[in-house]
Amino acid sequence: MIDRPTTRREMLRQVLRTSAGGLGALALGDALMRDGLAQSSLPFLTHAPKAKRVIWLFMAGAPSQFELFEPKETLQKLNGQTLPPSLAAGKRFAFIDGARAKLLGSARKFAQHGECGAPVSELLPNIAGIVDKLTFLRGVQAKEINHGPAKLFMNTGFGQFGRPSCGSWTLYGLGSEAEDLPGFVVLQSGSRGPRGGSALWGNGFLPSGVAGTPFRGQGDPVLDLGNPPGVDAEEQADFFRTVAALDRASGDAAGRRMEPEGLSARIASYELAHRMQSSTPDLVDLAQEPESVRKLYGVEGDAPSFARNCLLARRLVERGSRFVQLYHADWDHHGDGNNHLGKPLEDRCREVDQASAALVLDLEQRGLLEDTLVIWGGEFGRTPLGEVRNFIGRDHHIGAFTLWMAGGGLKPGYSHGETDEIGFAPVSGAMDIHDLHATILHLLGIDHERLTFRSQGRDYRLTDVHGRVQTDLIA
C-alpha cells in the first residue's frame, strides 16, 4: 500500500524540527510564500528584502573597463611609458611581463552622461542613456587571473569545481515563485558557451533541484520536453503520476536506501517537466509581445541572440523565476578593438548595448525594477598595460575592474569606489567577489553568514569565511 504524499506544510515542519540550515531550505520558498509562514522560521532571513529576484548579465571573457567605463587622463598622457617598478612588483598577470609592459591609453571617446555625470564610452550609447538608473562598482577586485577559474570564482566564490553557484544558493534560500518554470534559468548567446560550463550554474553539494536549468536559444528551450509521438497530454500526465507513485513505493520498500532529497528531487523533476510542457511554448513565443517591446530590445525574428535572451529574462521573472543568468561569450579581447579570436569589441558592444538598457527600462516601466536586481559585467578586468607581444593588447587584470548594477534597492546614479590615476588599483571603495556576493544576498533579505549547508563535516556558505556587505551602495 502506498501512503499518501506528505504535504508541503508537513514537510517543512518536519524538516525545520530536524535541520534549520540543511534540507529546511529545500522547501523554504515554496512553503513560505504559499503557506504564509513567518519569515523568522529560518535563521538566515534576518531583514526585509530590497530585491526579490536577480537577472545577471554575464559578459564572459572580461570587458575592458578602459574602453567602456573608466577614462583615465593620466593614463592617456603616459601612453607608451613603462610601468613604474614599484607598481609591477609582486603583481600577477596572465601573459605580460609587468616589468617590460607599457602603459596603454584608450582610443575610445568618452563623455559624461545623465545628472550623475557617469562616464561611458561611445561604444555603449544606450547604456549611457540610463546611467541615472545604474549603480557603478568601480573598485571590484578578483582572485583568479585566468578565465576558467575566474568565472568559477565569480559564480561560486571558489576557483575550483564543486561549489554551488550564487543562483543555486539563492534558490536554496528563497525557493521560487514559479509554478511551472524552473526557479533558476540560464540563457546563453555568442559563438560558444562560457569556460567552466555547467559548473558555473551547478548546485555543487546543495540539493539537486536548485541547479540552474539551461534554456536553448532556438527551438524547444529544453530538449525532449515535448510528448513522444502518439502520446497525448493525459497519457503523459498518467505516466508521471505512475512513476512518482513507484518511486515512493520503491523508496519505502528499500528501507529508504535512497536519500529522501534524491527521491523528492526526482519526483519533483517529473512534475515540473509535465507543467513545463504547457508553460514553455507560451514563454518563448515572443510574438505575444507588442512590436514596440521587441523593437525596444532589438529582437529580430526568431534568431537566437542576447536581445532575445534579455526579453526572455523579463518574461521569466514575471512568471516567478528567482534567478536568471545570461552568458554572452567572446569578450576575451586582448587587443584594443579586437580580441585574440579576431572578433571586434565594437561588435560585442553592439550585440548587448541596446538590449541591456532595454531590460532596465522595461523592468522599470512594469514596476519590476525596484525589486529586481540587475547585474552587468565579466569575471575580471583589463590591464592599463599593453602586451609586450603586440603592445595593443590588454591582459587580464584582477586588481580593479568595473561592474554595474540596477534596481533591487540600490542607489541609482551612484558610483561606488574609485581607482588610481591609471586605473591600476582602488583608492577607495575596494570590494572583492565575496563582498559582492554578501551584498547580493543582503539585498535579497539573507544574512550571508547564516545561509549555510553542512557537507563533508563542515558548514559551507557562498562567501566562505569572508564577505562584507557594501551598505554604502544601498538606498
Protein backbone atom coordinates (compact mmCIF):
# COMPACT_ATOMS: atom_id res chain seq x y z
CA MET A 1 0.00 0.00 0.00
CA ILE A 2 1.30 3.46 -0.91
CA ASP A 3 1.00 6.12 1.78
CA ARG A 4 -0.45 9.47 0.83
CA PRO A 5 2.14 12.12 -0.17
CA THR A 6 3.36 14.46 2.56
CA THR A 7 2.04 17.99 2.23
CA ARG A 8 4.35 20.99 1.88
CA ARG A 9 3.38 22.26 5.32
CA GLU A 10 4.03 18.88 6.95
CA MET A 11 7.36 18.54 5.15
CA LEU A 12 8.51 21.98 6.22
CA ARG A 13 7.52 21.42 9.84
CA GLN A 14 9.32 18.09 9.91
CA VAL A 15 12.45 19.48 8.27
CA LEU A 16 12.58 22.56 10.46
CA ARG A 17 12.46 20.36 13.54
CA THR A 18 15.49 18.41 12.36
CA SER A 19 17.61 20.95 10.47
CA ALA A 20 17.42 24.72 10.45
CA GLY A 21 20.14 25.13 7.87
CA GLY A 22 20.16 21.87 5.93
CA LEU A 23 17.25 20.42 3.97
CA GLY A 24 14.99 23.05 5.51
CA ALA A 25 15.77 25.48 2.73
CA LEU A 26 14.78 22.98 0.04
CA ALA A 27 11.09 23.71 0.56
CA LEU A 28 11.54 27.19 2.01
CA GLY A 29 10.42 29.47 -0.81
CA ASP A 30 7.51 27.35 -1.91
CA ALA A 31 6.25 26.80 1.63
CA LEU A 32 6.84 30.30 2.94
CA MET A 33 5.21 32.03 0.01
CA ARG A 34 2.31 29.68 -0.43
CA ASP A 35 1.64 28.77 3.20
CA GLY A 36 2.40 32.22 4.62
CA LEU A 37 4.79 31.07 7.34
CA ALA A 38 6.71 33.70 9.25
CA GLN A 39 9.99 34.96 7.81
CA SER A 40 11.68 34.17 11.12
CA SER A 41 11.13 30.43 10.52
CA LEU A 42 14.65 30.24 9.15
CA PRO A 43 17.64 31.94 10.76
CA PHE A 44 19.26 33.37 7.63
CA LEU A 45 16.24 35.55 6.79
CA THR A 46 17.18 38.41 9.09
CA HIS A 47 15.72 41.53 7.47
CA ALA A 48 13.22 42.74 4.91
CA PRO A 49 14.49 42.19 1.37
CA LYS A 50 15.08 45.01 -1.07
CA ALA A 51 15.11 42.60 -4.03
CA LYS A 52 13.03 39.54 -4.78
CA ARG A 53 14.83 38.27 -7.85
CA VAL A 54 18.09 38.58 -9.82
CA ILE A 55 18.96 38.92 -13.51
CA TRP A 56 22.71 38.60 -14.06
CA LEU A 57 24.05 39.70 -17.45
CA PHE A 58 27.42 37.96 -17.54
CA MET A 59 29.87 39.24 -20.18
CA ALA A 60 32.03 36.11 -20.40
CA GLY A 61 35.64 36.93 -21.23
CA ALA A 62 36.01 40.20 -19.29
CA PRO A 63 35.20 43.52 -20.99
CA SER A 64 37.82 46.24 -20.71
CA GLN A 65 36.78 48.94 -18.27
CA PHE A 66 39.22 51.31 -20.01
CA GLU A 67 37.28 51.09 -23.26
CA LEU A 68 33.83 51.26 -21.66
CA PHE A 69 33.57 52.95 -18.26
CA GLU A 70 36.94 54.20 -16.97
CA PRO A 71 38.57 57.08 -18.88
CA LYS A 72 41.93 57.96 -17.31
CA GLU A 73 43.52 61.25 -18.35
CA THR A 74 46.85 60.39 -16.74
CA LEU A 75 46.92 57.02 -18.49
CA GLN A 76 46.41 58.82 -21.78
CA LYS A 77 49.31 61.16 -21.05
CA LEU A 78 51.61 58.30 -20.04
CA ASN A 79 50.72 56.15 -23.04
CA GLY A 80 53.76 54.15 -24.15
CA GLN A 81 55.74 54.59 -20.94
CA THR A 82 56.93 51.69 -18.82
CA LEU A 83 55.04 50.92 -15.63
CA PRO A 84 56.98 52.06 -12.51
CA PRO A 85 58.74 49.05 -10.90
CA SER A 86 57.01 49.76 -7.59
CA LEU A 87 53.63 49.07 -9.18
CA ALA A 88 54.74 45.99 -11.10
CA ALA A 89 56.44 44.28 -8.15
CA GLY A 90 54.61 41.18 -6.95
CA LYS A 91 51.67 41.60 -9.33
CA ARG A 92 50.20 38.65 -11.25
CA PHE A 93 49.50 38.85 -14.97
CA ALA A 94 48.39 36.08 -17.33
CA PHE A 95 50.60 36.87 -20.32
CA ILE A 96 52.56 40.08 -19.98
CA ASP A 97 55.82 40.87 -18.21
CA GLY A 98 54.87 43.69 -15.86
CA ALA A 99 58.45 44.94 -15.75
CA ARG A 100 58.56 45.48 -19.53
CA ALA A 101 54.95 46.18 -20.47
CA LYS A 102 53.99 49.73 -21.36
CA LEU A 103 51.03 51.84 -20.29
CA LEU A 104 48.24 51.92 -22.83
CA GLY A 105 45.70 54.67 -23.21
CA SER A 106 42.33 54.16 -24.84
CA ALA A 107 41.37 55.20 -28.35
CA ARG A 108 37.69 55.40 -27.35
CA LYS A 109 35.83 58.67 -26.92
CA PHE A 110 34.13 59.21 -23.56
CA ALA A 111 31.52 61.65 -22.34
CA GLN A 112 29.76 62.24 -19.05
CA HIS A 113 26.09 61.31 -19.09
CA GLY A 114 22.96 61.91 -17.05
CA GLU A 115 22.60 64.03 -13.96
CA CYS A 116 25.13 61.83 -12.18
CA GLY A 117 27.79 62.59 -14.80
CA ALA A 118 28.92 58.97 -15.14
CA PRO A 119 31.49 58.48 -17.92
CA VAL A 120 30.61 55.95 -20.63
CA SER A 121 32.34 55.45 -23.96
CA GLU A 122 30.94 55.81 -27.43
CA LEU A 123 30.68 52.02 -27.67
CA LEU A 124 27.67 51.86 -25.31
CA PRO A 125 25.32 54.71 -26.27
CA ASN A 126 22.17 53.03 -24.93
CA ILE A 127 23.69 52.16 -21.56
CA ALA A 128 24.99 55.73 -21.45
CA GLY A 129 21.38 56.88 -21.71
CA ILE A 130 20.31 55.12 -18.50
CA VAL A 131 23.26 55.90 -16.17
CA ASP A 132 20.97 57.69 -13.71
CA LYS A 133 19.30 54.35 -13.09
CA LEU A 134 22.59 52.46 -12.59
CA THR A 135 24.96 51.83 -9.69
CA PHE A 136 28.59 51.54 -10.79
CA LEU A 137 31.06 49.43 -8.81
CA ARG A 138 34.46 50.83 -9.81
CA GLY A 139 36.83 49.12 -7.39
CA VAL A 140 35.97 45.43 -7.73
CA GLN A 141 38.88 43.02 -7.24
CA ALA A 142 39.04 39.40 -8.44
CA LYS A 143 41.08 36.47 -7.10
CA GLU A 144 41.82 34.32 -10.15
CA ILE A 145 43.94 35.50 -13.08
CA ASN A 146 42.70 33.09 -15.77
CA HIS A 147 39.24 32.90 -17.31
CA GLY A 148 38.03 29.46 -16.23
CA PRO A 149 38.88 29.76 -12.51
CA ALA A 150 37.82 33.42 -12.51
CA LYS A 151 34.37 32.58 -13.87
CA LEU A 152 34.05 29.87 -11.23
CA PHE A 153 35.05 32.32 -8.52
CA MET A 154 32.64 34.99 -9.72
CA ASN A 155 29.81 32.47 -9.77
CA THR A 156 30.59 30.21 -6.81
CA GLY A 157 33.04 32.10 -4.58
CA PHE A 158 35.72 29.48 -5.21
CA GLY A 159 38.18 28.94 -8.07
CA GLN A 160 37.77 25.18 -8.37
CA PHE A 161 34.91 22.91 -9.37
CA GLY A 162 32.41 21.59 -6.86
CA ARG A 163 30.91 24.59 -5.08
CA PRO A 164 27.31 25.74 -5.52
CA SER A 165 26.65 28.77 -7.69
CA CYS A 166 25.24 32.07 -6.47
CA GLY A 167 21.98 31.28 -8.25
CA SER A 168 21.77 27.89 -6.54
CA TRP A 169 22.40 29.41 -3.10
CA THR A 170 19.69 31.98 -3.81
CA LEU A 171 17.17 29.36 -4.88
CA TYR A 172 18.13 27.15 -1.93
CA GLY A 173 17.49 30.01 0.46
CA LEU A 174 14.38 31.57 -1.03
CA GLY A 175 12.80 29.00 -3.31
CA SER A 176 10.87 30.08 -6.38
CA GLU A 177 7.53 31.72 -7.02
CA ALA A 178 7.25 29.95 -10.39
CA GLU A 179 4.71 27.14 -10.50
CA ASP A 180 5.55 25.79 -13.94
CA LEU A 181 9.07 27.02 -14.72
CA PRO A 182 12.48 26.45 -13.13
CA GLY A 183 13.45 28.88 -10.39
CA PHE A 184 16.98 29.28 -11.78
CA VAL A 185 17.34 29.58 -15.57
CA VAL A 186 20.48 30.02 -17.68
CA LEU A 187 20.46 31.57 -21.17
CA GLN A 188 23.50 31.68 -23.47
CA SER A 189 24.47 33.69 -26.54
CA GLY A 190 27.60 34.30 -28.56
CA SER A 191 29.68 31.83 -30.55
CA ARG A 192 30.31 29.40 -27.67
CA GLY A 193 29.46 28.72 -24.06
CA PRO A 194 31.50 30.19 -21.21
CA ARG A 195 34.62 28.41 -20.00
CA GLY A 196 33.72 26.42 -16.93
CA GLY A 197 30.46 25.17 -18.45
CA SER A 198 27.68 23.87 -16.27
CA ALA A 199 29.77 24.18 -13.10
CA LEU A 200 29.09 27.93 -13.29
CA TRP A 201 25.41 27.33 -12.57
CA GLY A 202 25.68 24.00 -10.78
CA ASN A 203 24.28 23.10 -7.37
CA GLY A 204 27.53 21.60 -6.02
CA PHE A 205 26.67 19.86 -2.76
CA LEU A 206 23.30 21.59 -2.43
CA PRO A 207 20.07 19.68 -3.28
CA SER A 208 19.93 18.87 -6.97
CA GLY A 209 16.71 20.80 -7.51
CA VAL A 210 18.44 24.17 -7.12
CA ALA A 211 20.85 23.80 -10.07
CA GLY A 212 20.44 26.18 -12.97
CA THR A 213 18.39 24.93 -15.93
CA PRO A 214 19.91 25.90 -19.31
CA PHE A 215 17.41 27.02 -21.93
CA ARG A 216 18.34 26.79 -25.60
CA GLY A 217 18.25 29.90 -27.74
CA GLN A 218 16.19 28.39 -30.54
CA GLY A 219 13.52 25.72 -30.88
CA ASP A 220 12.33 23.94 -27.75
CA PRO A 221 14.06 25.62 -24.79
CA VAL A 222 14.64 22.21 -23.17
CA LEU A 223 15.38 19.09 -25.21
CA ASP A 224 12.89 16.21 -25.13
CA LEU A 225 10.30 18.32 -23.33
CA GLY A 226 7.56 17.55 -25.83
CA ASN A 227 5.48 14.38 -25.71
CA PRO A 228 6.73 11.37 -27.67
CA PRO A 229 4.87 10.71 -30.92
CA GLY A 230 1.46 9.17 -30.28
CA VAL A 231 1.33 10.18 -26.59
CA ASP A 232 -1.21 12.83 -25.63
CA ALA A 233 -1.14 15.10 -22.60
CA GLU A 234 -3.35 12.89 -20.42
CA GLU A 235 -1.25 9.78 -21.12
CA GLN A 236 1.90 11.72 -20.31
CA ALA A 237 0.41 13.02 -17.05
CA ASP A 238 -0.63 9.48 -16.12
CA PHE A 239 2.93 8.30 -16.79
CA PHE A 240 4.37 10.93 -14.43
CA ARG A 241 1.86 10.05 -11.71
CA THR A 242 2.65 6.35 -12.04
CA VAL A 243 6.42 6.86 -11.92
CA ALA A 244 6.09 9.14 -8.88
CA ALA A 245 4.00 6.50 -7.09
CA LEU A 246 6.52 3.78 -7.97
CA ASP A 247 9.38 5.95 -6.74
CA ARG A 248 7.67 6.49 -3.39
CA ALA A 249 6.84 2.80 -3.08
CA SER A 250 10.39 1.82 -4.05
CA GLY A 251 11.84 4.22 -1.51
CA ASP A 252 9.68 2.77 1.28
CA ALA A 253 10.25 -0.84 0.27
CA ALA A 254 14.02 -0.38 0.14
CA GLY A 255 14.11 0.90 3.68
CA ARG A 256 14.84 4.39 2.38
CA ARG A 257 18.13 3.36 0.82
CA MET A 258 17.62 6.32 -1.50
CA GLU A 259 18.20 9.66 0.18
CA PRO A 260 14.88 11.47 0.78
CA GLU A 261 16.21 14.54 -1.02
CA GLY A 262 17.21 12.50 -4.05
CA LEU A 263 13.80 10.83 -4.20
CA SER A 264 11.94 14.12 -3.73
CA ALA A 265 14.07 15.82 -6.36
CA ARG A 266 13.38 13.07 -8.90
CA ILE A 267 9.64 13.20 -8.31
CA ALA A 268 9.69 17.00 -8.42
CA SER A 269 11.59 16.94 -11.72
CA TYR A 270 8.87 14.78 -13.32
CA GLU A 271 6.15 17.06 -12.03
CA LEU A 272 7.93 20.21 -13.18
CA ALA A 273 8.63 18.72 -16.61
CA HIS A 274 4.93 17.99 -17.02
CA ARG A 275 3.97 21.55 -16.11
CA MET A 276 6.68 22.98 -18.38
CA GLN A 277 5.20 21.20 -21.38
CA SER A 278 2.43 23.75 -21.41
CA SER A 279 4.25 26.77 -19.98
CA THR A 280 7.44 26.94 -22.06
CA PRO A 281 5.88 27.22 -25.54
CA ASP A 282 3.98 30.25 -24.27
CA LEU A 283 7.11 31.66 -22.61
CA VAL A 284 9.30 31.58 -25.70
CA ASP A 285 6.62 32.83 -28.08
CA LEU A 286 7.86 36.40 -28.31
CA ALA A 287 5.23 37.15 -30.95
CA GLN A 288 2.95 37.73 -27.96
CA GLU A 289 4.98 40.82 -27.14
CA PRO A 290 3.97 44.12 -28.77
CA GLU A 291 6.13 45.12 -31.70
CA SER A 292 7.21 48.20 -29.74
CA VAL A 293 8.68 45.99 -27.00
CA ARG A 294 10.51 43.73 -29.45
CA LYS A 295 11.87 46.83 -31.14
CA LEU A 296 12.96 48.27 -27.78
CA TYR A 297 15.14 45.22 -27.17
CA GLY A 298 16.28 44.87 -30.77
CA VAL A 299 14.78 41.39 -31.22
CA GLU A 300 14.81 40.36 -34.88
CA GLY A 301 12.69 37.37 -35.81
CA ASP A 302 13.34 34.06 -34.10
CA ALA A 303 17.13 34.13 -34.40
CA PRO A 304 18.91 33.40 -31.09
CA SER A 305 20.54 36.49 -29.66
CA PHE A 306 21.40 38.32 -26.47
CA ALA A 307 18.46 40.65 -27.17
CA ARG A 308 16.06 37.72 -27.32
CA ASN A 309 17.50 36.34 -24.08
CA CYS A 310 17.03 39.68 -22.31
CA LEU A 311 13.37 39.74 -23.26
CA LEU A 312 13.02 36.10 -22.16
CA ALA A 313 14.65 37.02 -18.85
CA ARG A 314 11.98 39.64 -18.23
CA ARG A 315 9.25 37.15 -19.09
CA LEU A 316 10.81 34.56 -16.75
CA VAL A 317 10.94 36.84 -13.73
CA GLU A 318 7.38 37.97 -14.45
CA ARG A 319 6.37 34.32 -14.14
CA GLY A 320 8.19 33.84 -10.85
CA SER A 321 11.70 32.58 -11.67
CA ARG A 322 14.02 33.68 -8.89
CA PHE A 323 17.38 33.87 -10.67
CA VAL A 324 18.05 34.28 -14.40
CA GLN A 325 21.60 34.37 -15.71
CA LEU A 326 22.54 35.40 -19.25
CA TYR A 327 26.00 34.49 -20.53
CA HIS A 328 27.24 36.37 -23.59
CA ALA A 329 30.55 34.99 -24.86
CA ASP A 330 33.52 36.34 -26.87
CA TRP A 331 34.58 39.25 -24.63
CA ASP A 332 38.16 37.98 -24.36
CA HIS A 333 39.61 40.94 -26.25
CA HIS A 334 43.37 41.00 -25.75
CA GLY A 335 43.51 43.74 -28.33
CA ASP A 336 42.08 47.24 -28.20
CA GLY A 337 39.30 46.71 -30.68
CA ASN A 338 39.86 43.04 -31.47
CA ASN A 339 40.21 40.07 -29.18
CA HIS A 340 42.59 37.19 -29.80
CA LEU A 341 39.88 35.42 -31.82
CA GLY A 342 39.68 38.37 -34.17
CA LYS A 343 36.18 39.41 -33.13
CA PRO A 344 35.89 43.18 -32.71
CA LEU A 345 34.99 44.75 -29.42
CA GLU A 346 32.59 47.02 -31.27
CA ASP A 347 30.53 44.01 -32.30
CA ARG A 348 30.30 42.69 -28.74
CA CYS A 349 29.11 46.06 -27.52
CA ARG A 350 26.62 46.38 -30.36
CA GLU A 351 25.20 42.95 -29.50
CA VAL A 352 24.46 43.80 -25.86
CA ASP A 353 24.13 47.57 -25.52
CA GLN A 354 20.56 48.12 -26.70
CA ALA A 355 19.10 45.04 -25.01
CA SER A 356 20.88 45.66 -21.69
CA ALA A 357 19.44 49.16 -21.49
CA ALA A 358 16.03 47.97 -22.73
CA LEU A 359 15.84 45.37 -19.97
CA VAL A 360 16.33 48.02 -17.28
CA LEU A 361 13.80 50.36 -18.91
CA ASP A 362 11.25 47.60 -19.46
CA LEU A 363 11.51 46.35 -15.88
CA GLU A 364 11.08 49.90 -14.62
CA GLN A 365 8.04 50.53 -16.81
CA ARG A 366 6.39 47.37 -15.45
CA GLY A 367 7.14 48.20 -11.82
CA LEU A 368 9.61 45.33 -11.52
CA LEU A 369 12.93 47.15 -11.35
CA GLU A 370 12.54 48.28 -7.75
CA ASP A 371 12.65 44.68 -6.52
CA THR A 372 14.68 43.08 -9.33
CA LEU A 373 18.47 43.22 -9.06
CA VAL A 374 20.20 43.50 -12.46
CA ILE A 375 23.96 42.86 -12.65
CA TRP A 376 26.22 43.54 -15.69
CA GLY A 377 29.90 42.64 -16.06
CA GLY A 378 32.57 39.98 -16.53
CA GLU A 379 34.86 37.85 -14.37
CA PHE A 380 37.70 40.39 -14.05
CA GLY A 381 39.01 43.48 -15.82
CA ARG A 382 41.77 44.50 -18.21
CA THR A 383 45.20 45.94 -17.51
CA PRO A 384 46.16 49.58 -18.12
CA LEU A 385 49.18 47.98 -19.82
CA GLY A 386 49.78 46.79 -23.36
CA GLU A 387 51.06 43.30 -24.04
CA VAL A 388 54.73 43.12 -25.00
CA ARG A 389 53.98 40.76 -27.87
CA ASN A 390 51.97 43.36 -29.79
CA PHE A 391 51.57 46.34 -27.45
CA ILE A 392 47.97 46.97 -28.49
CA GLY A 393 46.59 44.18 -26.29
CA ARG A 394 45.23 44.37 -22.74
CA ASP A 395 45.93 41.47 -20.39
CA HIS A 396 43.74 40.07 -17.61
CA HIS A 397 43.60 42.32 -14.56
CA ILE A 398 42.34 41.31 -11.12
CA GLY A 399 43.46 44.44 -9.28
CA ALA A 400 40.45 46.59 -10.21
CA PHE A 401 37.55 46.45 -12.64
CA THR A 402 34.05 47.82 -13.12
CA LEU A 403 30.58 46.29 -12.90
CA TRP A 404 27.24 47.98 -12.93
CA MET A 405 24.02 47.04 -11.21
CA ALA A 406 20.49 48.40 -11.24
CA GLY A 407 17.28 48.18 -9.20
CA GLY A 408 16.91 45.90 -6.21
CA GLY A 409 17.23 48.60 -3.56
CA LEU A 410 20.47 50.19 -4.82
CA LYS A 411 21.27 53.89 -5.05
CA PRO A 412 20.58 54.93 -8.67
CA GLY A 413 23.05 57.22 -10.40
CA TYR A 414 25.72 56.31 -7.87
CA SER A 415 29.36 55.23 -8.23
CA HIS A 416 30.90 53.11 -5.50
CA GLY A 417 34.68 53.20 -5.32
CA GLU A 418 37.42 54.88 -7.30
CA THR A 419 40.68 53.73 -8.84
CA ASP A 420 44.05 55.49 -9.05
CA GLU A 421 45.13 57.75 -11.91
CA ILE A 422 45.93 54.88 -14.25
CA GLY A 423 43.19 52.51 -13.06
CA PHE A 424 45.63 50.02 -11.60
CA ALA A 425 44.15 49.65 -8.10
CA PRO A 426 41.33 51.07 -5.97
CA VAL A 427 41.99 54.12 -3.83
CA SER A 428 38.54 53.92 -2.21
CA GLY A 429 35.58 51.59 -2.15
CA ALA A 430 37.56 48.40 -2.83
CA MET A 431 35.41 45.27 -2.77
CA ASP A 432 36.13 41.67 -3.70
CA ILE A 433 33.88 38.93 -5.05
CA HIS A 434 32.92 37.74 -1.57
CA ASP A 435 31.78 41.29 -0.79
CA LEU A 436 29.72 41.30 -3.98
CA HIS A 437 28.07 38.00 -3.05
CA ALA A 438 27.42 39.15 0.51
CA THR A 439 25.76 42.30 -0.82
CA ILE A 440 23.61 40.38 -3.34
CA LEU A 441 22.32 38.07 -0.59
CA HIS A 442 21.77 41.01 1.76
CA LEU A 443 19.60 42.74 -0.85
CA LEU A 444 17.58 39.52 -1.05
CA GLY A 445 17.00 39.60 2.71
CA ILE A 446 19.60 36.93 3.51
CA ASP A 447 22.40 37.10 6.08
CA HIS A 448 25.27 35.59 4.10
CA GLU A 449 26.93 34.31 7.29
CA ARG A 450 23.85 32.32 8.29
CA LEU A 451 22.93 30.76 4.95
CA THR A 452 24.97 27.57 5.32
CA PHE A 453 24.95 23.93 4.28
CA ARG A 454 26.81 21.14 6.04
CA SER A 455 28.91 18.96 3.73
CA GLN A 456 31.82 16.63 4.46
CA GLY A 457 31.97 17.61 8.10
CA ARG A 458 31.85 21.40 7.88
CA ASP A 459 29.40 24.21 7.26
CA TYR A 460 29.83 25.90 3.88
CA ARG A 461 28.45 29.19 2.65
CA LEU A 462 28.67 31.19 -0.58
CA THR A 463 31.10 33.68 0.97
CA ASP A 464 33.21 31.02 2.74
CA VAL A 465 34.70 32.86 5.79
CA HIS A 466 34.78 36.24 4.04
CA GLY A 467 32.39 38.87 2.73
CA ARG A 468 31.36 42.36 3.80
CA VAL A 469 28.03 43.86 2.82
CA GLN A 470 28.66 47.13 0.98
CA THR A 471 25.99 49.22 2.67
CA ASP A 472 27.17 52.46 1.00
CA LEU A 473 25.58 51.49 -2.29
CA ILE A 474 22.21 50.51 -0.80
CA ALA A 475 19.42 53.10 -0.89
